[in-house]
C-alpha atoms as a PDB file:
ATOM      1  CA  UNK A   1      23.800  -0.831 -29.635  1.00  0.00           C
ATOM      2  CA  UNK A   2      22.251  -0.339 -33.089  1.00  0.00           C
ATOM      3  CA  UNK A   3      18.703  -0.665 -31.719  1.00  0.00           C
ATOM      4  CA  UNK A   4      19.469   2.133 -29.031  1.00  0.00           C
ATOM      5  CA  UNK A   5      21.138   4.522 -31.614  1.00  0.00           C
ATOM      6  CA  UNK A   6      18.153   4.087 -33.954  1.00  0.00           C
ATOM      7  CA  UNK A   7      15.711   4.608 -31.092  1.00  0.00           C
ATOM      8  CA  UNK A   8      17.642   7.824 -29.984  1.00  0.00           C
ATOM      9  CA  UNK A   9      17.605   9.025 -33.542  1.00  0.00           C
ATOM     10  CA  UNK A  10      13.804   8.409 -33.698  1.00  0.00           C
ATOM     11  CA  UNK A  11      13.213  10.311 -30.436  1.00  0.00           C
ATOM     12  CA  UNK A  12      15.263  13.420 -31.752  1.00  0.00           C
ATOM     13  CA  UNK A  13      13.418  13.385 -34.799  1.00  0.00           C
ATOM     14  CA  UNK A  14      10.186  13.422 -32.883  1.00  0.00           C
ATOM     15  CA  UNK A  15      11.378  16.331 -30.787  1.00  0.00           C
ATOM     16  CA  UNK A  16      12.571  18.251 -33.762  1.00  0.00           C
ATOM     17  CA  UNK A  17       9.026  17.625 -35.464  1.00  0.00           C
ATOM     18  CA  UNK A  18       7.059  18.780 -32.255  1.00  0.00           C
ATOM     19  CA  UNK A  19       8.998  21.847 -31.411  1.00  0.00           C
ATOM     20  CA  UNK A  20       7.011  24.016 -34.041  1.00  0.00           C
ATOM     21  CA  UNK A  21       3.786  22.718 -32.358  1.00  0.00           C
ATOM     22  CA  UNK A  22       4.954  23.969 -29.067  1.00  0.00           C
ATOM     23  CA  UNK A  23       6.329  27.260 -30.552  1.00  0.00           C
ATOM     24  CA  UNK A  24       3.119  27.912 -32.304  1.00  0.00           C
ATOM     25  CA  UNK A  25       0.892  27.124 -29.446  1.00  0.00           C
ATOM     26  CA  UNK A  26       2.640  29.680 -27.247  1.00  0.00           C
ATOM     27  CA  UNK A  27       5.064  32.186 -28.358  1.00  0.00           C
ATOM     28  CA  UNK A  28       7.503  32.739 -25.586  1.00  0.00           C
ATOM     29  CA  UNK A  29       7.494  36.111 -23.627  1.00  0.00           C
ATOM     30  CA  UNK A  30      10.064  36.979 -20.825  1.00  0.00           C
ATOM     31  CA  UNK A  31       7.722  37.283 -17.886  1.00  0.00           C
ATOM     32  CA  UNK A  32       9.282  37.342 -14.274  1.00  0.00           C
ATOM     33  CA  UNK A  33       7.576  34.852 -12.059  1.00  0.00           C
ATOM     34  CA  UNK A  34       6.637  32.613 -15.062  1.00  0.00           C
ATOM     35  CA  UNK A  35       8.377  29.794 -16.585  1.00  0.00           C
ATOM     36  CA  UNK A  36       7.801  27.056 -19.249  1.00  0.00           C
ATOM     37  CA  UNK A  37       8.346  23.294 -19.607  1.00  0.00           C
ATOM     38  CA  UNK A  38       8.049  21.280 -22.731  1.00  0.00           C
ATOM     39  CA  UNK A  39       7.789  17.421 -22.341  1.00  0.00           C
ATOM     40  CA  UNK A  40       8.112  14.985 -25.070  1.00  0.00           C
ATOM     41  CA  UNK A  41       8.018  11.218 -24.751  1.00  0.00           C
ATOM     42  CA  UNK A  42       8.809   8.466 -27.177  1.00  0.00           C
ATOM     43  CA  UNK A  43       8.703   4.915 -25.733  1.00  0.00           C
ATOM     44  CA  UNK A  44      10.952   4.996 -22.704  1.00  0.00           C
ATOM     45  CA  UNK A  45      12.808   8.151 -23.647  1.00  0.00           C
ATOM     46  CA  UNK A  46      11.585  11.560 -22.018  1.00  0.00           C
ATOM     47  CA  UNK A  47      12.836  14.871 -23.149  1.00  0.00           C
ATOM     48  CA  UNK A  48      12.242  17.855 -20.826  1.00  0.00           C
ATOM     49  CA  UNK A  49      13.241  21.403 -21.538  1.00  0.00           C
ATOM     50  CA  UNK A  50      12.728  24.327 -18.953  1.00  0.00           C
ATOM     51  CA  UNK A  51      12.801  28.010 -19.666  1.00  0.00           C
ATOM     52  CA  UNK A  52      12.968  30.081 -16.428  1.00  0.00           C
ATOM     53  CA  UNK A  53      13.542  33.736 -15.924  1.00  0.00           C
ATOM     54  CA  UNK A  54      17.072  34.241 -14.653  1.00  0.00           C
ATOM     55  CA  UNK A  55      15.791  37.018 -12.226  1.00  0.00           C
ATOM     56  CA  UNK A  56      13.600  34.415 -10.328  1.00  0.00           C
ATOM     57  CA  UNK A  57      16.071  31.638 -10.347  1.00  0.00           C
ATOM     58  CA  UNK A  58      19.233  33.593  -9.650  1.00  0.00           C
ATOM     59  CA  UNK A  59      18.094  36.985  -8.308  1.00  0.00           C
ATOM     60  CA  UNK A  60      19.495  38.856 -11.212  1.00  0.00           C
ATOM     61  CA  UNK A  61      19.361  38.541 -15.003  1.00  0.00           C
ATOM     62  CA  UNK A  62      22.560  40.242 -16.228  1.00  0.00           C
ATOM     63  CA  UNK A  63      25.840  39.047 -16.688  1.00  0.00           C
ATOM     64  CA  UNK A  64      27.485  37.998 -13.368  1.00  0.00           C
ATOM     65  CA  UNK A  65      29.697  40.863 -12.198  1.00  0.00           C
ATOM     66  CA  UNK A  66      30.523  40.300  -8.640  1.00  0.00           C
ATOM     67  CA  UNK A  67      32.411  37.232  -7.108  1.00  0.00           C
ATOM     68  CA  UNK A  68      28.986  36.521  -5.270  1.00  0.00           C
ATOM     69  CA  UNK A  69      26.999  36.514  -8.512  1.00  0.00           C
ATOM     70  CA  UNK A  70      29.709  34.360 -10.081  1.00  0.00           C
ATOM     71  CA  UNK A  71      29.398  31.891  -7.281  1.00  0.00           C
ATOM     72  CA  UNK A  72      25.623  31.864  -7.499  1.00  0.00           C
ATOM     73  CA  UNK A  73      25.781  30.989 -11.193  1.00  0.00           C
ATOM     74  CA  UNK A  74      28.314  28.053 -10.410  1.00  0.00           C
ATOM     75  CA  UNK A  75      26.034  26.880  -7.519  1.00  0.00           C
ATOM     76  CA  UNK A  76      22.974  26.949  -9.736  1.00  0.00           C
ATOM     77  CA  UNK A  77      24.693  24.949 -12.299  1.00  0.00           C
ATOM     78  CA  UNK A  78      25.353  22.251  -9.853  1.00  0.00           C
ATOM     79  CA  UNK A  79      21.985  22.243  -8.446  1.00  0.00           C
ATOM     80  CA  UNK A  80      20.237  22.053 -11.894  1.00  0.00           C
ATOM     81  CA  UNK A  81      22.544  18.982 -12.813  1.00  0.00           C
ATOM     82  CA  UNK A  82      20.391  17.109 -10.078  1.00  0.00           C
ATOM     83  CA  UNK A  83      16.918  16.543 -11.734  1.00  0.00           C
ATOM     84  CA  UNK A  84      15.063  16.003  -8.335  1.00  0.00           C
ATOM     85  CA  UNK A  85      15.946  19.604  -7.446  1.00  0.00           C
ATOM     86  CA  UNK A  86      13.706  20.779 -10.257  1.00  0.00           C
ATOM     87  CA  UNK A  87      11.194  17.871 -11.044  1.00  0.00           C
ATOM     88  CA  UNK A  88      10.334  14.418  -9.777  1.00  0.00           C
ATOM     89  CA  UNK A  89       8.756  11.538 -11.766  1.00  0.00           C
ATOM     90  CA  UNK A  90       6.535   9.095  -9.997  1.00  0.00           C
ATOM     91  CA  UNK A  91       8.322   6.231 -11.413  1.00  0.00           C
ATOM     92  CA  UNK A  92      11.974   5.070 -11.740  1.00  0.00           C
ATOM     93  CA  UNK A  93      13.827   7.018 -14.303  1.00  0.00           C
ATOM     94  CA  UNK A  94      17.405   7.259 -15.137  1.00  0.00           C
ATOM     95  CA  UNK A  95      18.827  10.530 -16.247  1.00  0.00           C
ATOM     96  CA  UNK A  96      20.733  10.144 -19.459  1.00  0.00           C
ATOM     97  CA  UNK A  97      21.913  13.821 -19.820  1.00  0.00           C
ATOM     98  CA  UNK A  98      21.377  17.173 -18.472  1.00  0.00           C
ATOM     99  CA  UNK A  99      22.167  20.545 -20.014  1.00  0.00           C
ATOM    100  CA  UNK A 100      21.853  23.970 -18.644  1.00  0.00           C
ATOM    101  CA  UNK A 101      22.366  27.463 -20.199  1.00  0.00           C
ATOM    102  CA  UNK A 102      23.039  30.152 -17.597  1.00  0.00           C
ATOM    103  CA  UNK A 103      24.021  33.807 -17.984  1.00  0.00           C
ATOM    104  CA  UNK A 104      27.697  34.294 -18.779  1.00  0.00           C
ATOM    105  CA  UNK A 105      30.239  37.078 -19.696  1.00  0.00           C
ATOM    106  CA  UNK A 106      29.502  36.356 -23.391  1.00  0.00           C
ATOM    107  CA  UNK A 107      25.910  37.547 -22.939  1.00  0.00           C
ATOM    108  CA  UNK A 108      24.406  40.948 -23.427  1.00  0.00           C
ATOM    109  CA  UNK A 109      24.953  42.695 -19.986  1.00  0.00           C
ATOM    110  CA  UNK A 110      21.594  44.625 -20.358  1.00  0.00           C
ATOM    111  CA  UNK A 111      19.175  42.061 -21.828  1.00  0.00           C
ATOM    112  CA  UNK A 112      16.427  40.102 -19.934  1.00  0.00           C
ATOM    113  CA  UNK A 113      17.825  36.790 -19.617  1.00  0.00           C
ATOM    114  CA  UNK A 114      16.266  33.151 -19.278  1.00  0.00           C
ATOM    115  CA  UNK A 115      17.812  30.048 -17.959  1.00  0.00           C
ATOM    116  CA  UNK A 116      17.417  27.064 -20.149  1.00  0.00           C
ATOM    117  CA  UNK A 117      17.513  23.586 -18.625  1.00  0.00           C
ATOM    118  CA  UNK A 118      17.241  20.288 -20.522  1.00  0.00           C
ATOM    119  CA  UNK A 119      17.052  16.758 -19.195  1.00  0.00           C
ATOM    120  CA  UNK A 120      16.907  13.472 -21.226  1.00  0.00           C
ATOM    121  CA  UNK A 121      15.650  10.549 -19.138  1.00  0.00           C
ATOM    122  CA  UNK A 122      15.102   6.712 -19.700  1.00  0.00           C
ATOM    123  CA  UNK A 123      12.008   5.565 -17.828  1.00  0.00           C
ATOM    124  CA  UNK A 124      11.446   1.733 -17.591  1.00  0.00           C
ATOM    125  CA  UNK A 125       7.669   2.341 -16.968  1.00  0.00           C
ATOM    126  CA  UNK A 126       5.157   4.835 -17.968  1.00  0.00           C
ATOM    127  CA  UNK A 127       4.998   8.054 -15.954  1.00  0.00           C
ATOM    128  CA  UNK A 128       1.809   8.914 -14.520  1.00  0.00           C
ATOM    129  CA  UNK A 129       2.680  11.994 -12.612  1.00  0.00           C
ATOM    130  CA  UNK A 130       5.337  14.671 -12.211  1.00  0.00           C
ATOM    131  CA  UNK A 131       5.920  17.102  -9.460  1.00  0.00           C
ATOM    132  CA  UNK A 132       7.745  20.427  -9.845  1.00  0.00           C
ATOM    133  CA  UNK A 133      10.071  20.578  -6.785  1.00  0.00           C
ATOM    134  CA  UNK A 134      11.740  23.874  -8.213  1.00  0.00           C
ATOM    135  CA  UNK A 135       9.009  25.852  -6.451  1.00  0.00           C
ATOM    136  CA  UNK A 136      10.326  24.727  -3.112  1.00  0.00           C
ATOM    137  CA  UNK A 137      13.491  26.823  -3.663  1.00  0.00           C
ATOM    138  CA  UNK A 138      12.561  29.550  -6.096  1.00  0.00           C
ATOM    139  CA  UNK A 139      10.063  31.429  -4.124  1.00  0.00           C
ATOM    140  CA  UNK A 140       9.349  34.241  -6.803  1.00  0.00           C
ATOM    141  CA  UNK A 141       8.425  31.620  -9.462  1.00  0.00           C
ATOM    142  CA  UNK A 142       4.726  31.570  -9.434  1.00  0.00           C
ATOM    143  CA  UNK A 143       3.720  29.579 -12.367  1.00  0.00           C
ATOM    144  CA  UNK A 144       5.194  27.055 -15.024  1.00  0.00           C
ATOM    145  CA  UNK A 145       3.245  26.555 -18.181  1.00  0.00           C
ATOM    146  CA  UNK A 146       3.686  22.835 -19.188  1.00  0.00           C
ATOM    147  CA  UNK A 147       3.112  21.523 -22.535  1.00  0.00           C
ATOM    148  CA  UNK A 148       3.469  17.837 -23.296  1.00  0.00           C
ATOM    149  CA  UNK A 149       3.237  15.313 -26.110  1.00  0.00           C
ATOM    150  CA  UNK A 150       3.503  11.667 -24.949  1.00  0.00           C
ATOM    151  CA  UNK A 151       1.949   8.224 -25.486  1.00  0.00           C
ATOM    152  CA  UNK A 152      -1.370   9.179 -23.969  1.00  0.00           C
ATOM    153  CA  UNK A 153      -1.742  12.253 -26.084  1.00  0.00           C
ATOM    154  CA  UNK A 154      -1.004  16.035 -25.774  1.00  0.00           C
ATOM    155  CA  UNK A 155      -1.918  18.780 -23.581  1.00  0.00           C
ATOM    156  CA  UNK A 156      -1.083  21.881 -21.605  1.00  0.00           C
ATOM    157  CA  UNK A 157      -1.521  22.847 -17.884  1.00  0.00           C
ATOM    158  CA  UNK A 158      -0.374  25.577 -15.541  1.00  0.00           C
ATOM    159  CA  UNK A 159       1.496  24.565 -12.257  1.00  0.00           C
ATOM    160  CA  UNK A 160       2.028  26.843  -9.227  1.00  0.00           C
ATOM    161  CA  UNK A 161       3.381  26.403  -6.010  1.00  0.00           C
ATOM    162  CA  UNK A 162      -0.008  25.327  -4.468  1.00  0.00           C
ATOM    163  CA  UNK A 163      -0.396  22.941  -7.184  1.00  0.00           C
ATOM    164  CA  UNK A 164       2.925  21.596  -8.350  1.00  0.00           C
ATOM    165  CA  UNK A 165       1.749  18.090  -9.673  1.00  0.00           C
ATOM    166  CA  UNK A 166       0.770  17.250 -13.043  1.00  0.00           C
ATOM    167  CA  UNK A 167      -1.132  13.995 -13.384  1.00  0.00           C
ATOM    168  CA  UNK A 168      -1.773  12.059 -16.599  1.00  0.00           C
ATOM    169  CA  UNK A 169      -4.805   9.891 -16.599  1.00  0.00           C
ATOM    170  CA  UNK A 170      -4.508   6.178 -17.710  1.00  0.00           C
END
């Protein structure tokens, strides 16, 4: 148990240390049709953080007002909890945790809003490829900028519905 806890602490420290790198390399702008994905790996632990425009994923970006909009937010929360609905790895990974931040009654009703989704995974073997499956059901999402840092190096790519795969070379 102590080894797992120590490994998790090291992983979180790496995530914290690399966030300024990701932030400096691309200051986030709210652009409809475009999302971001940050990926950090330490040993078997992977951390994925998506930022997606609410207008694309929900069809609106304000505080949910109608029963239909409230139901859409609840359905989206359930859908995002299933990682395969958003991204698939080419190897066997176990999701350790998922967390999503969706528009709520506490948000500014007139602000442009993003949806944040985070996944923590444990992968027994190294991942060589990911596929963004979110393009299958979010038709207005045209591009996701992916930045990563893993045992093979660091990089950046833009994935699109016509090219949803990211392959890391061995």
